Each structure stands twice: as structure tokens, then as C-alpha cells.
PDB file of N, CA and C in Angstrom:
ATOM      1  N   UNK A   1       0.840  -1.164   0.000  1.00  0.00           N
ATOM      2  CA  UNK A   1       0.000   0.000   0.000  1.00  0.00           C
ATOM      3  C   UNK A   1       0.896   1.241   0.000  1.00  0.00           C
ATOM      4  N   UNK A   2       0.562   2.164  -0.838  1.00  0.00           N
ATOM      5  CA  UNK A   2       1.354   3.387  -0.943  1.00  0.00           C
ATOM      6  C   UNK A   2       0.911   4.405   0.115  1.00  0.00           C
ATOM      7  N   UNK A   3       1.720   5.431   0.298  1.00  0.00           N
ATOM      8  CA  UNK A   3       1.353   6.508   1.227  1.00  0.00           C
ATOM      9  C   UNK A   3       0.048   7.161   0.805  1.00  0.00           C
ATOM     10  N   UNK A   4      -0.095   7.382  -0.491  1.00  0.00           N
ATOM     11  CA  UNK A   4      -1.315   8.017  -0.996  1.00  0.00           C
ATOM     12  C   UNK A   4      -2.543   7.157  -0.705  1.00  0.00           C
ATOM     13  N   UNK A   5      -2.406   5.848  -0.854  1.00  0.00           N
ATOM     14  CA  UNK A   5      -3.523   4.942  -0.561  1.00  0.00           C
ATOM     15  C   UNK A   5      -3.871   4.970   0.929  1.00  0.00           C
ATOM     16  N   UNK A   6      -2.844   4.941   1.787  1.00  0.00           N
ATOM     17  CA  UNK A   6      -3.097   5.008   3.237  1.00  0.00           C
ATOM     18  C   UNK A   6      -3.785   6.318   3.601  1.00  0.00           C
ATOM     19  N   UNK A   7      -3.315   7.410   3.016  1.00  0.00           N
ATOM     20  CA  UNK A   7      -3.910   8.715   3.286  1.00  0.00           C
ATOM     21  C   UNK A   7      -5.370   8.741   2.842  1.00  0.00           C
ATOM     22  N   UNK A   8      -5.650   8.170   1.684  1.00  0.00           N
ATOM     23  CA  UNK A   8      -7.022   8.142   1.178  1.00  0.00           C
ATOM     24  C   UNK A   8      -7.935   7.308   2.080  1.00  0.00           C
ATOM     25  N   UNK A   9      -7.415   6.221   2.618  1.00  0.00           N
ATOM     26  CA  UNK A   9      -8.222   5.337   3.466  1.00  0.00           C
ATOM     27  C   UNK A   9      -8.390   5.913   4.871  1.00  0.00           C
ATOM     28  N   UNK A  10      -7.298   6.372   5.466  1.00  0.00           N
ATOM     29  CA  UNK A  10      -7.324   6.813   6.860  1.00  0.00           C
ATOM     30  C   UNK A  10      -7.734   8.268   7.039  1.00  0.00           C
ATOM     31  N   UNK A  11      -7.381   9.100   6.094  1.00  0.00           N
ATOM     32  CA  UNK A  11      -7.643  10.527   6.214  1.00  0.00           C
ATOM     33  C   UNK A  11      -6.459  11.249   6.841  1.00  0.00           C
ATOM     34  N   UNK A  12      -6.322  12.513   6.517  1.00  0.00           N
ATOM     35  CA  UNK A  12      -5.173  13.305   6.960  1.00  0.00           C
ATOM     36  C   UNK A  12      -5.116  13.441   8.479  1.00  0.00           C
ATOM     37  N   UNK A  13      -6.269  13.612   9.139  1.00  0.00           N
ATOM     38  CA  UNK A  13      -6.267  13.770  10.598  1.00  0.00           C
ATOM     39  C   UNK A  13      -5.757  12.515  11.299  1.00  0.00           C
ATOM     40  N   UNK A  14      -6.167  11.358  10.822  1.00  0.00           N
ATOM     41  CA  UNK A  14      -5.719  10.102  11.429  1.00  0.00           C
ATOM     42  C   UNK A  14      -4.232   9.898  11.209  1.00  0.00           C
ATOM     43  N   UNK A  15      -3.752  10.170  10.013  1.00  0.00           N
ATOM     44  CA  UNK A  15      -2.325  10.018   9.722  1.00  0.00           C
ATOM     45  C   UNK A  15      -1.510  10.970  10.592  1.00  0.00           C
ATOM     46  N   UNK A  16      -1.972  12.193  10.755  1.00  0.00           N
ATOM     47  CA  UNK A  16      -1.287  13.158  11.615  1.00  0.00           C
ATOM     48  C   UNK A  16      -1.275  12.678  13.061  1.00  0.00           C
ATOM     49  N   UNK A  17      -2.391  12.133  13.537  1.00  0.00           N
ATOM     50  CA  UNK A  17      -2.460  11.613  14.908  1.00  0.00           C
ATOM     51  C   UNK A  17      -1.485  10.452  15.098  1.00  0.00           C
ATOM     52  N   UNK A  18      -1.372   9.588  14.105  1.00  0.00           N
ATOM     53  CA  UNK A  18      -0.425   8.472  14.174  1.00  0.00           C
ATOM     54  C   UNK A  18       1.002   9.003  14.243  1.00  0.00           C
ATOM     55  N   UNK A  19       1.340   9.961  13.394  1.00  0.00           N
ATOM     56  CA  UNK A  19       2.692  10.537  13.395  1.00  0.00           C
ATOM     57  C   UNK A  19       3.002  11.199  14.741  1.00  0.00           C
ATOM     58  N   UNK A  20       2.025  11.911  15.297  1.00  0.00           N
ATOM     59  CA  UNK A  20       2.220  12.552  16.601  1.00  0.00           C
ATOM     60  C   UNK A  20       2.469  11.510  17.688  1.00  0.00           C
ATOM     61  N   UNK A  21       1.724  10.424  17.641  1.00  0.00           N
ATOM     62  CA  UNK A  21       1.876   9.356  18.649  1.00  0.00           C
ATOM     63  C   UNK A  21       3.237   8.681  18.524  1.00  0.00           C
ATOM     64  N   UNK A  22       3.669   8.420  17.303  1.00  0.00           N
ATOM     65  CA  UNK A  22       4.973   7.791  17.076  1.00  0.00           C
ATOM     66  C   UNK A  22       6.092   8.705  17.562  1.00  0.00           C
ATOM     67  N   UNK A  23       5.939  10.004  17.378  1.00  0.00           N
ATOM     68  CA  UNK A  23       6.967  10.959  17.809  1.00  0.00           C
ATOM     69  C   UNK A  23       7.163  10.939  19.324  1.00  0.00           C
ATOM     70  N   UNK A  24       6.178  10.481  20.075  1.00  0.00           N
ATOM     71  CA  UNK A  24       6.282  10.415  21.535  1.00  0.00           C
ATOM     72  C   UNK A  24       7.098   9.216  22.012  1.00  0.00           C
ATOM     73  N   UNK A  25       7.280   8.238  21.151  1.00  0.00           N
ATOM     74  CA  UNK A  25       7.997   7.021  21.545  1.00  0.00           C
ATOM     75  C   UNK A  25       9.477   7.322  21.760  1.00  0.00           C
ATOM     76  N   UNK A  26      10.076   6.707  22.788  1.00  0.00           N
ATOM     77  CA  UNK A  26      11.509   6.921  23.020  1.00  0.00           C
ATOM     78  C   UNK A  26      12.348   6.219  21.958  1.00  0.00           C
ATOM     79  N   UNK A  27      13.574   6.686  21.791  1.00  0.00           N
ATOM     80  CA  UNK A  27      14.501   6.021  20.876  1.00  0.00           C
ATOM     81  C   UNK A  27      14.824   4.632  21.425  1.00  0.00           C
ATOM     82  N   UNK A  28      14.966   3.643  20.557  1.00  0.00           N
ATOM     83  CA  UNK A  28      15.304   2.303  21.047  1.00  0.00           C
ATOM     84  C   UNK A  28      16.738   2.257  21.563  1.00  0.00           C
ATOM     85  N   UNK A  29      16.977   1.362  22.499  1.00  0.00           N
ATOM     86  CA  UNK A  29      18.333   1.186  23.023  1.00  0.00           C
ATOM     87  C   UNK A  29      19.187   0.465  21.987  1.00  0.00           C
ATOM     88  N   UNK A  30      20.492   0.581  22.122  1.00  0.00           N
ATOM     89  CA  UNK A  30      21.396  -0.134  21.220  1.00  0.00           C
ATOM     90  C   UNK A  30      21.169  -1.638  21.305  1.00  0.00           C
ATOM     91  N   UNK A  31      20.877  -2.131  22.511  1.00  0.00           N
ATOM     92  CA  UNK A  31      20.640  -3.559  22.695  1.00  0.00           C
ATOM     93  C   UNK A  31      19.397  -4.010  21.937  1.00  0.00           C
ATOM     94  N   UNK A  32      18.335  -3.216  21.987  1.00  0.00           N
ATOM     95  CA  UNK A  32      17.115  -3.565  21.269  1.00  0.00           C
ATOM     96  C   UNK A  32      17.349  -3.553  19.764  1.00  0.00           C
ATOM     97  N   UNK A  33      18.039  -2.541  19.275  1.00  0.00           N
ATOM     98  CA  UNK A  33      18.339  -2.457  17.841  1.00  0.00           C
ATOM     99  C   UNK A  33      19.126  -3.683  17.396  1.00  0.00           C
ATOM    100  N   UNK A  34      20.106  -4.089  18.189  1.00  0.00           N
ATOM    101  CA  UNK A  34      20.910  -5.265  17.850  1.00  0.00           C
ATOM    102  C   UNK A  34      20.060  -6.530  17.850  1.00  0.00           C
ATOM    103  N   UNK A  35      19.209  -6.676  18.834  1.00  0.00           N
ATOM    104  CA  UNK A  35      18.348  -7.864  18.903  1.00  0.00           C
ATOM    105  C   UNK A  35      17.400  -7.911  17.707  1.00  0.00           C
ATOM    106  N   UNK A  36      16.804  -6.793  17.369  1.00  0.00           N
ATOM    107  CA  UNK A  36      15.902  -6.754  16.218  1.00  0.00           C
ATOM    108  C   UNK A  36      16.650  -6.990  14.912  1.00  0.00           C
ATOM    109  N   UNK A  37      17.859  -6.457  14.803  1.00  0.00           N
ATOM    110  CA  UNK A  37      18.657  -6.693  13.597  1.00  0.00           C
ATOM    111  C   UNK A  37      18.894  -8.180  13.408  1.00  0.00           C
ATOM    112  N   UNK A  38      19.216  -8.855  14.494  1.00  0.00           N
ATOM    113  CA  UNK A  38      19.490 -10.289  14.407  1.00  0.00           C
ATOM    114  C   UNK A  38      18.231 -11.067  14.025  1.00  0.00           C
ATOM    115  N   UNK A  39      17.087 -10.663  14.555  1.00  0.00           N
ATOM    116  CA  UNK A  39      15.839 -11.356  14.237  1.00  0.00           C
ATOM    117  C   UNK A  39      15.470 -11.134  12.776  1.00  0.00           C
ATOM    118  N   UNK A  40      15.526  -9.896  12.313  1.00  0.00           N
ATOM    119  CA  UNK A  40      15.079  -9.570  10.960  1.00  0.00           C
ATOM    120  C   UNK A  40      16.057 -10.002   9.887  1.00  0.00           C
ATOM    121  N   UNK A  41      17.300 -10.204  10.240  1.00  0.00           N
ATOM    122  CA  UNK A  41      18.312 -10.596   9.256  1.00  0.00           C
ATOM    123  C   UNK A  41      18.494 -12.108   9.198  1.00  0.00           C
ATOM    124  N   UNK A  42      17.652 -12.861   9.904  1.00  0.00           N
ATOM    125  CA  UNK A  42      17.843 -14.303  10.016  1.00  0.00           C
ATOM    126  C   UNK A  42      17.225 -15.031   8.824  1.00  0.00           C
ATOM    127  N   UNK A  43      18.025 -15.419   7.845  1.00  0.00           N
ATOM    128  CA  UNK A  43      17.483 -16.201   6.740  1.00  0.00           C
ATOM    129  C   UNK A  43      17.451 -17.679   7.120  1.00  0.00           C
ATOM    130  N   UNK A  44      16.311 -18.302   6.963  1.00  0.00           N
ATOM    131  CA  UNK A  44      16.161 -19.743   7.185  1.00  0.00           C
ATOM    132  C   UNK A  44      16.701 -20.192   8.537  1.00  0.00           C
ATOM    133  N   UNK A  45      16.360 -19.449   9.582  1.00  0.00           N
ATOM    134  CA  UNK A  45      16.738 -19.812  10.955  1.00  0.00           C
ATOM    135  C   UNK A  45      18.234 -19.776  11.232  1.00  0.00           C
ATOM    136  N   UNK A  46      18.996 -19.059  10.448  1.00  0.00           N
ATOM    137  CA  UNK A  46      20.438 -18.935  10.670  1.00  0.00           C
ATOM    138  C   UNK A  46      20.679 -17.573  11.322  1.00  0.00           C
ATOM    139  N   UNK A  47      20.771 -17.543  12.646  1.00  0.00           N
ATOM    140  CA  UNK A  47      20.922 -16.286  13.372  1.00  0.00           C
ATOM    141  C   UNK A  47      22.358 -15.793  13.305  1.00  0.00           C
ATOM    142  N   UNK A  48      22.583 -14.563  12.803  1.00  0.00           N
ATOM    143  CA  UNK A  48      23.942 -14.028  12.762  1.00  0.00           C
ATOM    144  C   UNK A  48      24.457 -13.721  14.166  1.00  0.00           C
ATOM    145  N   UNK A  49      25.739 -13.743  14.319  1.00  0.00           N
ATOM    146  CA  UNK A  49      26.362 -13.434  15.606  1.00  0.00           C
ATOM    147  C   UNK A  49      26.180 -11.958  15.928  1.00  0.00           C
ATOM    148  N   UNK A  50      26.080 -11.626  17.216  1.00  0.00           N
ATOM    149  CA  UNK A  50      25.947 -10.210  17.579  1.00  0.00           C
ATOM    150  C   UNK A  50      27.178  -9.422  17.159  1.00  0.00           C
ATOM    151  N   UNK A  51      26.961  -8.163  16.837  1.00  0.00           N
ATOM    152  CA  UNK A  51      28.088  -7.284  16.532  1.00  0.00           C
ATOM    153  C   UNK A  51      28.036  -6.122  17.506  1.00  0.00           C
ATOM    154  N   UNK A  52      29.154  -5.517  17.790  1.00  0.00           N
ATOM    155  CA  UNK A  52      29.164  -4.416  18.755  1.00  0.00           C
ATOM    156  C   UNK A  52      28.324  -3.244  18.257  1.00  0.00           C
ATOM    157  N   UNK A  53      27.590  -2.635  19.160  1.00  0.00           N
ATOM    158  CA  UNK A  53      26.784  -1.466  18.803  1.00  0.00           C
ATOM    159  C   UNK A  53      27.709  -0.293  18.530  1.00  0.00           C
ATOM    160  N   UNK A  54      27.415   0.439  17.457  1.00  0.00           N
ATOM    161  CA  UNK A  54      28.259   1.589  17.115  1.00  0.00           C
ATOM    162  C   UNK A  54      27.408   2.751  16.639  1.00  0.00           C
ATOM    163  N   UNK A  55      26.320   3.005  17.353  1.00  0.00           N
ATOM    164  CA  UNK A  55      25.450   4.117  16.988  1.00  0.00           C
ATOM    165  C   UNK A  55      26.001   5.417  17.550  1.00  0.00           C
ATOM    166  N   UNK A  56      25.868   6.469  16.784  1.00  0.00           N
ATOM    167  CA  UNK A  56      26.319   7.791  17.242  1.00  0.00           C
ATOM    168  C   UNK A  56      25.352   8.312  18.292  1.00  0.00           C
ATOM    169  N   UNK A  57      25.878   8.940  19.313  1.00  0.00           N
ATOM    170  CA  UNK A  57      25.021   9.450  20.395  1.00  0.00           C
ATOM    171  C   UNK A  57      24.470  10.801  20.055  1.00  0.00           C
TER     172      UNK A  57
END
């Protein structure tokens, strides 16, 4: 679904409310980002080894 399709279905006010709500969420920790990277990058149940976090502060 494209942005235009979502906007047409939800309406501008709803999309704005969603964006406002997302903006309130805290930034994820380096540990969470690493865990999610490992989960999402796992092809056919082959989990990659953890790598050191190197995000800029």
C-alpha cells in the first residue's frame, strides 16, 4: 500500500495523529536495535552473531 492509498483510506487527521503518537515514543536502546537486527536478518533460521553497537550518540 502506498502513502497516498493510506492517506485516502485513513484521512489526513488520522495520519497526523499516528505521526504525533509515534513521535512520543523513546529512541530504542542499542541492545534492542541489535536484537531486532538479528531477528530480521535471520534467513532460514540462521541467526547471525551479535556485533558491537556503534550508533552515534
